[in-house]
Amino acid sequence: MAKKKATETAKIKVTLVKSTIAVLPQHKKIIEALGLTKINSFKIHNENASTLGMIEKVGYLLKVEKI
């Protein structure tokens, strides 16, 4: 049987701190893809290239903390 790898990935907490009312439609879709719906809602994600790329695009709406 194959062994499971015990790789521990870094986690980040992403919090929505600004409204998405007057932002670009692409940025609204990125916020939805991150799982954020209301102001002060948060999600915990693995720190990988795709997540960091999304956060870089909409960083002006978010607060990011390492866990």
N, C-alpha and C. Protein backbone atom coordinates (compact mmCIF):
# COMPACT_ATOMS: atom_id res chain seq x y z
N MET A 1 0.83 -1.19 0.00
CA MET A 1 0.00 0.00 0.00
C MET A 1 0.86 1.24 0.00
N ALA A 2 0.35 2.26 -0.62
CA ALA A 2 1.08 3.53 -0.66
C ALA A 2 0.94 4.24 0.68
N LYS A 3 2.03 4.83 1.11
CA LYS A 3 2.02 5.58 2.37
C LYS A 3 1.55 7.00 2.12
N LYS A 4 0.82 7.54 3.07
CA LYS A 4 0.40 8.94 2.97
C LYS A 4 1.56 9.83 3.37
N LYS A 5 1.74 10.89 2.62
CA LYS A 5 2.78 11.84 2.95
C LYS A 5 2.31 12.74 4.06
N ALA A 6 3.16 12.99 5.01
CA ALA A 6 2.82 13.84 6.15
C ALA A 6 3.38 15.24 5.92
N THR A 7 2.98 15.85 4.83
CA THR A 7 3.46 17.20 4.55
C THR A 7 2.54 18.20 5.21
N GLU A 8 3.10 19.10 5.92
CA GLU A 8 2.35 20.12 6.64
C GLU A 8 2.45 21.41 5.84
N THR A 9 1.33 21.85 5.26
CA THR A 9 1.34 23.08 4.49
C THR A 9 0.97 24.25 5.39
N ALA A 10 1.48 25.41 5.06
CA ALA A 10 1.19 26.61 5.84
C ALA A 10 -0.25 27.02 5.60
N LYS A 11 -0.88 27.56 6.62
CA LYS A 11 -2.26 28.01 6.54
C LYS A 11 -2.30 29.52 6.65
N ILE A 12 -3.26 30.13 5.94
CA ILE A 12 -3.47 31.56 6.04
C ILE A 12 -4.96 31.83 6.28
N LYS A 13 -5.22 32.85 7.07
CA LYS A 13 -6.59 33.28 7.36
C LYS A 13 -6.86 34.53 6.53
N VAL A 14 -7.88 34.47 5.68
CA VAL A 14 -8.22 35.56 4.79
C VAL A 14 -9.55 36.16 5.25
N THR A 15 -9.56 37.47 5.53
CA THR A 15 -10.75 38.16 6.02
C THR A 15 -11.12 39.27 5.06
N LEU A 16 -12.40 39.36 4.71
CA LEU A 16 -12.90 40.43 3.85
C LEU A 16 -13.16 41.66 4.71
N VAL A 17 -12.47 42.78 4.43
CA VAL A 17 -12.60 43.97 5.26
C VAL A 17 -13.26 45.15 4.53
N LYS A 18 -13.41 45.06 3.21
CA LYS A 18 -14.07 46.12 2.45
C LYS A 18 -15.19 45.51 1.61
N SER A 19 -16.16 46.34 1.26
CA SER A 19 -17.30 45.91 0.47
C SER A 19 -16.90 45.66 -0.98
N THR A 20 -17.65 44.77 -1.63
CA THR A 20 -17.38 44.47 -3.05
C THR A 20 -18.38 45.17 -3.97
N ILE A 21 -19.04 46.20 -3.49
CA ILE A 21 -20.08 46.86 -4.28
C ILE A 21 -19.50 47.53 -5.53
N ALA A 22 -18.45 48.29 -5.41
CA ALA A 22 -17.94 49.06 -6.54
C ALA A 22 -16.63 48.52 -7.09
N VAL A 23 -16.48 47.20 -7.12
CA VAL A 23 -15.24 46.62 -7.64
C VAL A 23 -15.52 45.94 -8.98
N LEU A 24 -14.47 45.60 -9.68
CA LEU A 24 -14.59 44.95 -10.98
C LEU A 24 -15.27 43.59 -10.84
N PRO A 25 -16.01 43.17 -11.86
CA PRO A 25 -16.69 41.86 -11.80
C PRO A 25 -15.74 40.69 -11.59
N GLN A 26 -14.53 40.77 -12.18
CA GLN A 26 -13.55 39.70 -11.98
C GLN A 26 -13.15 39.60 -10.52
N HIS A 27 -13.03 40.74 -9.86
CA HIS A 27 -12.63 40.75 -8.46
C HIS A 27 -13.74 40.19 -7.58
N LYS A 28 -14.99 40.45 -7.94
CA LYS A 28 -16.11 39.86 -7.20
C LYS A 28 -16.09 38.34 -7.30
N LYS A 29 -15.76 37.83 -8.47
CA LYS A 29 -15.68 36.38 -8.67
C LYS A 29 -14.54 35.78 -7.86
N ILE A 30 -13.44 36.49 -7.75
CA ILE A 30 -12.31 36.00 -6.96
C ILE A 30 -12.69 35.94 -5.49
N ILE A 31 -13.40 36.95 -5.00
CA ILE A 31 -13.85 36.96 -3.61
C ILE A 31 -14.78 35.78 -3.36
N GLU A 32 -15.69 35.50 -4.28
CA GLU A 32 -16.58 34.35 -4.15
C GLU A 32 -15.80 33.05 -4.16
N ALA A 33 -14.78 32.96 -5.02
CA ALA A 33 -13.97 31.75 -5.10
C ALA A 33 -13.18 31.51 -3.81
N LEU A 34 -12.83 32.58 -3.12
CA LEU A 34 -12.15 32.44 -1.84
C LEU A 34 -13.13 32.06 -0.72
N GLY A 35 -14.42 32.08 -1.00
CA GLY A 35 -15.42 31.68 -0.02
C GLY A 35 -15.86 32.78 0.91
N LEU A 36 -15.65 34.03 0.51
CA LEU A 36 -15.99 35.16 1.36
C LEU A 36 -17.30 35.78 0.87
N THR A 37 -18.21 36.06 1.80
CA THR A 37 -19.52 36.57 1.40
C THR A 37 -19.80 37.94 1.98
N LYS A 38 -19.60 38.13 3.26
CA LYS A 38 -19.92 39.39 3.92
C LYS A 38 -18.66 40.02 4.50
N ILE A 39 -18.75 41.29 4.84
CA ILE A 39 -17.63 41.97 5.48
C ILE A 39 -17.36 41.27 6.82
N ASN A 40 -16.10 41.11 7.14
CA ASN A 40 -15.60 40.42 8.33
C ASN A 40 -15.80 38.92 8.30
N SER A 41 -16.22 38.35 7.18
CA SER A 41 -16.23 36.90 7.06
C SER A 41 -14.80 36.46 6.76
N PHE A 42 -14.46 35.26 7.20
CA PHE A 42 -13.10 34.78 6.98
C PHE A 42 -13.11 33.31 6.61
N LYS A 43 -12.05 32.88 5.96
CA LYS A 43 -11.83 31.49 5.61
C LYS A 43 -10.35 31.19 5.83
N ILE A 44 -10.07 29.95 6.13
CA ILE A 44 -8.70 29.50 6.29
C ILE A 44 -8.35 28.65 5.07
N HIS A 45 -7.27 29.03 4.38
CA HIS A 45 -6.84 28.36 3.16
C HIS A 45 -5.42 27.87 3.32
N ASN A 46 -5.05 26.89 2.49
CA ASN A 46 -3.66 26.47 2.38
C ASN A 46 -2.91 27.54 1.61
N GLU A 47 -1.68 27.76 2.00
CA GLU A 47 -0.86 28.76 1.31
C GLU A 47 -0.20 28.09 0.10
N ASN A 48 -0.79 28.29 -1.07
CA ASN A 48 -0.21 27.77 -2.30
C ASN A 48 -0.24 28.85 -3.37
N ALA A 49 0.31 28.54 -4.51
CA ALA A 49 0.48 29.56 -5.56
C ALA A 49 -0.85 30.11 -6.06
N SER A 50 -1.85 29.26 -6.23
CA SER A 50 -3.12 29.74 -6.77
C SER A 50 -3.83 30.65 -5.78
N THR A 51 -3.82 30.29 -4.52
CA THR A 51 -4.46 31.12 -3.49
C THR A 51 -3.73 32.45 -3.35
N LEU A 52 -2.43 32.42 -3.34
CA LEU A 52 -1.66 33.66 -3.21
C LEU A 52 -1.86 34.57 -4.42
N GLY A 53 -2.03 33.99 -5.59
CA GLY A 53 -2.31 34.79 -6.79
C GLY A 53 -3.64 35.51 -6.70
N MET A 54 -4.66 34.80 -6.19
CA MET A 54 -5.97 35.42 -6.01
C MET A 54 -5.91 36.54 -4.97
N ILE A 55 -5.19 36.28 -3.89
CA ILE A 55 -5.07 37.28 -2.83
C ILE A 55 -4.33 38.52 -3.33
N GLU A 56 -3.35 38.32 -4.20
CA GLU A 56 -2.60 39.46 -4.74
C GLU A 56 -3.50 40.35 -5.59
N LYS A 57 -4.43 39.75 -6.34
CA LYS A 57 -5.34 40.53 -7.19
C LYS A 57 -6.29 41.40 -6.38
N VAL A 58 -6.83 40.86 -5.28
CA VAL A 58 -7.85 41.57 -4.51
C VAL A 58 -7.35 41.93 -3.11
N GLY A 59 -6.07 42.13 -2.98
CA GLY A 59 -5.47 42.43 -1.69
C GLY A 59 -5.98 43.69 -1.03
N TYR A 60 -6.47 44.62 -1.83
CA TYR A 60 -6.98 45.88 -1.27
C TYR A 60 -8.32 45.69 -0.55
N LEU A 61 -8.93 44.52 -0.69
CA LEU A 61 -10.19 44.23 -0.01
C LEU A 61 -10.02 43.31 1.19
N LEU A 62 -8.82 42.76 1.37
CA LEU A 62 -8.61 41.69 2.32
C LEU A 62 -7.62 42.03 3.42
N LYS A 63 -7.70 41.25 4.50
CA LYS A 63 -6.67 41.23 5.53
C LYS A 63 -6.21 39.77 5.61
N VAL A 64 -4.91 39.55 5.52
CA VAL A 64 -4.36 38.20 5.49
C VAL A 64 -3.44 38.00 6.69
N GLU A 65 -3.65 36.87 7.40
CA GLU A 65 -2.82 36.54 8.55
C GLU A 65 -2.31 35.10 8.40
N LYS A 66 -1.07 34.89 8.77
CA LYS A 66 -0.52 33.53 8.79
C LYS A 66 -0.92 32.84 10.10
N ILE A 67 -1.25 31.58 9.98
CA ILE A 67 -1.62 30.81 11.18
C ILE A 67 -0.53 29.82 11.51
